[in-house]
Structure formats: C-alpha cells, structure tokens
Amino acid sequence: MEVTIETNPSSNHLIAKMRQVREHPIFRLAPIEAPDAAGLTVSVNTDDPATFATNLLEEYGLLYHAMLQSNIPAADALQWIDRVRRDGVRSRFSLISSTHADLLAMLAT
C-alpha cells in the first residue's frame, strides 16, 4: 500500500516528552540493524519549522547524534539516514513532479 509514517523528531520529542531523542519510535518503526524486518517506510520531516526552530538538516542531525549515543557505528547511522531520506523522497506527495518516476529516481540517488 506504500504507506509512509511521517516523523517530526524535534516536535515529537518535545510534545511526547521523550527524555532522549534515541527513544524516538522511528528507530522501532525502521530498525537500523534489520532494515527489511519491519517493512515500514518512514520519513523525517520538520513539522512546523517556525514553531520548533528547525530544518531537515537539524532533524537528521538529531537522529544521527542519537544513534551515535546508542553506540551505532557512524557508517551504519549514515546508511540508515540515507535509506530514510530516499524513502521520504519516494513518498513525497506535495509536487506534481513527485509522480514522475524518472525525477524520483534522480532525487533518490
């Protein structure tokens, strides 16, 4: 069905009152160690950038730092981030260009 779970790490962290970003559900929804195990597609987003004073780079940075704090090797963390980034590009629905497979393939590389 190609359903994507949208996550907003900064917003989720503050609103859900998680003690640490490494508790974020994205790591259970899209496991780092077994990428195909859950079968879920997730994306990282900013929610409301003006309210939460964030951007995509900071959102990915929060997740990367959380993985390093959890003793995930940097190479594995970067590979996971790239997979989640590609999933986000594929699930994008805000632009007409998002429906063109050739453009999506170019953005995903």
N, C-alpha and C. Protein backbone atom coordinates (compact mmCIF):
# COMPACT_ATOMS: atom_id res chain seq x y z
N MET A 1 0.82 -1.20 0.00
CA MET A 1 0.00 0.00 0.00
C MET A 1 0.86 1.26 0.00
N GLU A 2 2.16 1.11 0.21
CA GLU A 2 3.09 2.23 0.18
C GLU A 2 2.71 3.35 1.16
N VAL A 3 2.32 2.97 2.36
CA VAL A 3 2.02 3.95 3.40
C VAL A 3 3.33 4.35 4.06
N THR A 4 3.51 5.64 4.24
CA THR A 4 4.72 6.16 4.88
C THR A 4 4.35 6.77 6.22
N ILE A 5 5.13 6.42 7.25
CA ILE A 5 4.94 7.00 8.57
C ILE A 5 5.78 8.27 8.63
N GLU A 6 5.12 9.40 8.80
CA GLU A 6 5.82 10.68 8.86
C GLU A 6 6.26 10.95 10.30
N THR A 7 7.52 11.28 10.47
CA THR A 7 8.02 11.63 11.80
C THR A 7 8.59 13.04 11.79
N ASN A 8 8.49 13.68 12.92
CA ASN A 8 9.00 15.04 13.10
C ASN A 8 9.80 15.02 14.39
N PRO A 9 11.06 14.61 14.35
CA PRO A 9 11.82 14.35 15.57
C PRO A 9 11.79 15.46 16.62
N SER A 10 12.03 16.71 16.26
CA SER A 10 12.02 17.79 17.26
C SER A 10 10.65 17.94 17.90
N SER A 11 9.65 18.02 17.06
CA SER A 11 8.28 18.17 17.54
C SER A 11 7.87 16.97 18.37
N ASN A 12 8.12 15.76 17.86
CA ASN A 12 7.76 14.55 18.60
C ASN A 12 8.45 14.50 19.95
N HIS A 13 9.72 14.87 19.97
CA HIS A 13 10.50 14.85 21.21
C HIS A 13 9.90 15.79 22.25
N LEU A 14 9.56 17.00 21.83
CA LEU A 14 9.04 17.99 22.77
C LEU A 14 7.61 17.69 23.20
N ILE A 15 6.77 17.33 22.26
CA ILE A 15 5.37 17.09 22.57
C ILE A 15 5.17 15.79 23.34
N ALA A 16 5.91 14.74 22.95
CA ALA A 16 5.77 13.44 23.63
C ALA A 16 6.56 13.38 24.93
N LYS A 17 7.33 14.42 25.19
CA LYS A 17 8.14 14.49 26.40
C LYS A 17 9.08 13.29 26.55
N MET A 18 9.68 12.90 25.42
CA MET A 18 10.70 11.85 25.48
C MET A 18 11.90 12.39 26.24
N ARG A 19 12.49 11.57 27.05
CA ARG A 19 13.68 12.02 27.78
C ARG A 19 14.85 12.23 26.84
N GLN A 20 14.96 11.38 25.82
CA GLN A 20 16.07 11.48 24.87
C GLN A 20 15.57 11.16 23.47
N VAL A 21 16.20 11.77 22.48
CA VAL A 21 15.79 11.52 21.09
C VAL A 21 15.98 10.05 20.72
N ARG A 22 16.94 9.38 21.34
CA ARG A 22 17.16 7.97 20.99
C ARG A 22 15.98 7.08 21.39
N GLU A 23 15.01 7.61 22.13
CA GLU A 23 13.77 6.88 22.46
C GLU A 23 12.72 7.05 21.37
N HIS A 24 13.03 7.83 20.34
CA HIS A 24 12.04 8.12 19.29
C HIS A 24 11.57 6.82 18.62
N PRO A 25 10.28 6.69 18.39
CA PRO A 25 9.73 5.48 17.77
C PRO A 25 10.25 5.18 16.36
N ILE A 26 10.84 6.16 15.68
CA ILE A 26 11.35 5.91 14.32
C ILE A 26 12.34 4.75 14.32
N PHE A 27 13.07 4.60 15.41
CA PHE A 27 14.09 3.54 15.46
C PHE A 27 13.45 2.15 15.62
N ARG A 28 12.21 2.10 16.10
CA ARG A 28 11.48 0.82 16.15
C ARG A 28 10.73 0.58 14.85
N LEU A 29 10.23 1.65 14.25
CA LEU A 29 9.48 1.54 13.01
C LEU A 29 10.38 1.16 11.83
N ALA A 30 11.58 1.69 11.83
CA ALA A 30 12.56 1.43 10.76
C ALA A 30 13.87 1.01 11.42
N PRO A 31 13.96 -0.24 11.85
CA PRO A 31 15.15 -0.69 12.60
C PRO A 31 16.45 -0.47 11.84
N ILE A 32 17.46 -0.06 12.57
CA ILE A 32 18.78 0.17 11.99
C ILE A 32 19.44 -1.17 11.67
N GLU A 33 19.34 -2.10 12.60
CA GLU A 33 20.03 -3.38 12.47
C GLU A 33 19.40 -4.30 11.43
N ALA A 34 18.07 -4.21 11.25
CA ALA A 34 17.37 -5.09 10.32
C ALA A 34 16.43 -4.26 9.46
N PRO A 35 16.96 -3.58 8.45
CA PRO A 35 16.16 -2.63 7.69
C PRO A 35 14.92 -3.21 7.02
N ASP A 36 14.93 -4.47 6.68
CA ASP A 36 13.77 -5.06 6.00
C ASP A 36 12.80 -5.74 6.95
N ALA A 37 13.14 -5.80 8.23
CA ALA A 37 12.34 -6.54 9.19
C ALA A 37 10.95 -5.97 9.39
N ALA A 38 10.84 -4.67 9.58
CA ALA A 38 9.55 -4.07 9.91
C ALA A 38 8.67 -3.88 8.68
N GLY A 39 9.28 -3.67 7.53
CA GLY A 39 8.51 -3.46 6.32
C GLY A 39 7.79 -2.12 6.28
N LEU A 40 8.18 -1.19 7.14
CA LEU A 40 7.54 0.12 7.17
C LEU A 40 8.44 1.16 6.50
N THR A 41 7.81 2.10 5.86
CA THR A 41 8.53 3.21 5.27
C THR A 41 8.32 4.42 6.17
N VAL A 42 9.39 5.10 6.53
CA VAL A 42 9.29 6.29 7.36
C VAL A 42 9.93 7.46 6.64
N SER A 43 9.51 8.65 7.04
CA SER A 43 10.15 9.85 6.52
C SER A 43 10.43 10.79 7.68
N VAL A 44 11.42 11.63 7.50
CA VAL A 44 11.79 12.63 8.50
C VAL A 44 11.35 13.98 7.96
N ASN A 45 10.64 14.72 8.80
CA ASN A 45 10.08 16.00 8.39
C ASN A 45 10.31 17.03 9.47
N THR A 46 9.87 18.26 9.21
CA THR A 46 10.13 19.35 10.16
C THR A 46 8.91 19.79 10.94
N ASP A 47 7.73 19.26 10.65
CA ASP A 47 6.51 19.68 11.30
C ASP A 47 6.30 21.17 11.03
N ASP A 48 6.50 22.02 12.00
CA ASP A 48 6.32 23.46 11.84
C ASP A 48 7.65 24.15 12.13
N PRO A 49 8.46 24.39 11.09
CA PRO A 49 9.80 24.94 11.29
C PRO A 49 9.84 26.24 12.10
N ALA A 50 8.84 27.09 11.93
CA ALA A 50 8.85 28.36 12.67
C ALA A 50 8.61 28.14 14.16
N THR A 51 7.72 27.23 14.49
CA THR A 51 7.41 26.96 15.89
C THR A 51 8.54 26.21 16.58
N PHE A 52 9.12 25.23 15.89
CA PHE A 52 10.14 24.39 16.50
C PHE A 52 11.56 24.80 16.14
N ALA A 53 11.72 25.89 15.39
CA ALA A 53 13.03 26.43 15.02
C ALA A 53 13.97 25.33 14.52
N THR A 54 13.54 24.64 13.47
CA THR A 54 14.32 23.53 12.94
C THR A 54 14.27 23.50 11.42
N ASN A 55 15.08 22.63 10.85
CA ASN A 55 15.06 22.36 9.41
C ASN A 55 15.43 20.89 9.23
N LEU A 56 15.38 20.39 8.02
CA LEU A 56 15.66 18.97 7.80
C LEU A 56 17.06 18.57 8.21
N LEU A 57 18.03 19.43 7.95
CA LEU A 57 19.41 19.12 8.34
C LEU A 57 19.50 18.90 9.85
N GLU A 58 18.84 19.75 10.62
CA GLU A 58 18.86 19.60 12.08
C GLU A 58 18.11 18.35 12.53
N GLU A 59 17.02 18.03 11.86
CA GLU A 59 16.25 16.84 12.22
C GLU A 59 17.09 15.57 12.01
N TYR A 60 17.74 15.48 10.84
CA TYR A 60 18.62 14.33 10.59
C TYR A 60 19.80 14.34 11.55
N GLY A 61 20.31 15.52 11.87
CA GLY A 61 21.42 15.62 12.82
C GLY A 61 21.04 15.10 14.20
N LEU A 62 19.84 15.41 14.66
CA LEU A 62 19.36 14.90 15.95
C LEU A 62 19.34 13.37 15.95
N LEU A 63 18.82 12.80 14.86
CA LEU A 63 18.73 11.34 14.78
C LEU A 63 20.12 10.71 14.70
N TYR A 64 21.00 11.33 13.92
CA TYR A 64 22.36 10.82 13.80
C TYR A 64 23.06 10.83 15.16
N HIS A 65 22.96 11.93 15.87
CA HIS A 65 23.57 12.04 17.19
C HIS A 65 22.98 11.01 18.15
N ALA A 66 21.67 10.79 18.08
CA ALA A 66 21.02 9.80 18.94
C ALA A 66 21.56 8.40 18.65
N MET A 67 21.79 8.10 17.37
CA MET A 67 22.34 6.78 17.02
C MET A 67 23.76 6.63 17.55
N LEU A 68 24.56 7.67 17.42
CA LEU A 68 25.93 7.60 17.94
C LEU A 68 25.92 7.41 19.46
N GLN A 69 25.01 8.08 20.15
CA GLN A 69 24.89 7.92 21.60
C GLN A 69 24.48 6.49 21.97
N SER A 70 23.81 5.82 21.05
CA SER A 70 23.39 4.43 21.28
C SER A 70 24.42 3.43 20.78
N ASN A 71 25.63 3.92 20.52
CA ASN A 71 26.76 3.10 20.07
C ASN A 71 26.54 2.44 18.70
N ILE A 72 25.74 3.09 17.86
CA ILE A 72 25.59 2.64 16.47
C ILE A 72 26.80 3.19 15.71
N PRO A 73 27.52 2.36 14.98
CA PRO A 73 28.66 2.87 14.21
C PRO A 73 28.22 3.96 13.23
N ALA A 74 29.07 4.96 13.05
CA ALA A 74 28.75 6.09 12.19
C ALA A 74 28.35 5.64 10.78
N ALA A 75 29.07 4.67 10.24
CA ALA A 75 28.74 4.20 8.88
C ALA A 75 27.34 3.62 8.82
N ASP A 76 26.93 2.86 9.84
CA ASP A 76 25.58 2.29 9.88
C ASP A 76 24.54 3.40 10.03
N ALA A 77 24.85 4.39 10.87
CA ALA A 77 23.93 5.51 11.07
C ALA A 77 23.73 6.28 9.76
N LEU A 78 24.81 6.53 9.05
CA LEU A 78 24.70 7.26 7.78
C LEU A 78 23.95 6.45 6.73
N GLN A 79 24.16 5.15 6.72
CA GLN A 79 23.43 4.29 5.78
C GLN A 79 21.93 4.32 6.08
N TRP A 80 21.58 4.26 7.36
CA TRP A 80 20.18 4.33 7.77
C TRP A 80 19.57 5.67 7.36
N ILE A 81 20.30 6.75 7.61
CA ILE A 81 19.81 8.09 7.25
C ILE A 81 19.58 8.17 5.75
N ASP A 82 20.48 7.63 4.96
CA ASP A 82 20.31 7.67 3.51
C ASP A 82 19.07 6.88 3.08
N ARG A 83 18.85 5.73 3.70
CA ARG A 83 17.65 4.93 3.38
C ARG A 83 16.38 5.69 3.72
N VAL A 84 16.34 6.31 4.89
CA VAL A 84 15.16 7.07 5.30
C VAL A 84 14.96 8.29 4.40
N ARG A 85 16.06 8.93 4.01
CA ARG A 85 15.98 10.07 3.10
C ARG A 85 15.37 9.66 1.76
N ARG A 86 15.85 8.54 1.21
CA ARG A 86 15.31 8.04 -0.07
C ARG A 86 13.83 7.68 0.07
N ASP A 87 13.46 7.07 1.18
CA ASP A 87 12.05 6.74 1.41
C ASP A 87 11.20 8.01 1.44
N GLY A 88 11.72 9.06 2.07
CA GLY A 88 11.00 10.33 2.11
C GLY A 88 10.80 10.93 0.74
N VAL A 89 11.82 10.87 -0.09
CA VAL A 89 11.71 11.39 -1.46
C VAL A 89 10.66 10.59 -2.23
N ARG A 90 10.69 9.27 -2.10
CA ARG A 90 9.73 8.43 -2.82
C ARG A 90 8.29 8.65 -2.36
N SER A 91 8.10 9.01 -1.11
CA SER A 91 6.74 9.15 -0.59
C SER A 91 6.21 10.58 -0.67
N ARG A 92 7.01 11.47 -1.20
CA ARG A 92 6.61 12.87 -1.29
C ARG A 92 5.39 13.03 -2.19
N PHE A 93 4.42 13.81 -1.74
CA PHE A 93 3.19 13.98 -2.49
C PHE A 93 2.85 15.45 -2.76
N SER A 94 3.72 16.35 -2.37
CA SER A 94 3.40 17.77 -2.43
C SER A 94 3.60 18.41 -3.80
N LEU A 95 4.31 17.76 -4.69
CA LEU A 95 4.56 18.35 -6.00
C LEU A 95 4.16 17.40 -7.12
N ILE A 96 3.71 17.96 -8.21
CA ILE A 96 3.38 17.14 -9.39
C ILE A 96 4.59 16.31 -9.80
N SER A 97 5.78 16.88 -9.70
CA SER A 97 6.99 16.15 -10.12
C SER A 97 7.19 14.87 -9.31
N SER A 98 6.55 14.78 -8.14
CA SER A 98 6.69 13.59 -7.31
C SER A 98 6.05 12.36 -7.94
N THR A 99 5.23 12.56 -8.94
CA THR A 99 4.58 11.43 -9.60
C THR A 99 5.38 10.91 -10.79
N HIS A 100 6.49 11.57 -11.13
CA HIS A 100 7.29 11.16 -12.28
C HIS A 100 8.43 10.25 -11.80
N ALA A 101 8.39 9.00 -12.21
CA ALA A 101 9.39 8.01 -11.75
C ALA A 101 10.82 8.42 -12.10
N ASP A 102 11.04 9.02 -13.27
CA ASP A 102 12.39 9.39 -13.66
C ASP A 102 12.96 10.49 -12.76
N LEU A 103 12.13 11.45 -12.38
CA LEU A 103 12.60 12.51 -11.47
C LEU A 103 12.85 11.96 -10.08
N LEU A 104 11.98 11.08 -9.60
CA LEU A 104 12.18 10.48 -8.29
C LEU A 104 13.47 9.66 -8.24
N ALA A 105 13.74 8.94 -9.32
CA ALA A 105 14.97 8.13 -9.38
C ALA A 105 16.20 9.04 -9.30
N MET A 106 16.15 10.18 -9.97
CA MET A 106 17.27 11.12 -9.94
C MET A 106 17.46 11.69 -8.53
N LEU A 107 16.37 12.04 -7.84
CA LEU A 107 16.46 12.61 -6.49
C LEU A 107 16.91 11.57 -5.48
N ALA A 108 16.59 10.33 -5.70
CA ALA A 108 16.90 9.26 -4.73
C ALA A 108 18.35 8.82 -4.79
N THR A 109 19.09 9.23 -5.80
CA THR A 109 20.49 8.80 -5.89
C THR A 109 21.42 9.78 -5.24
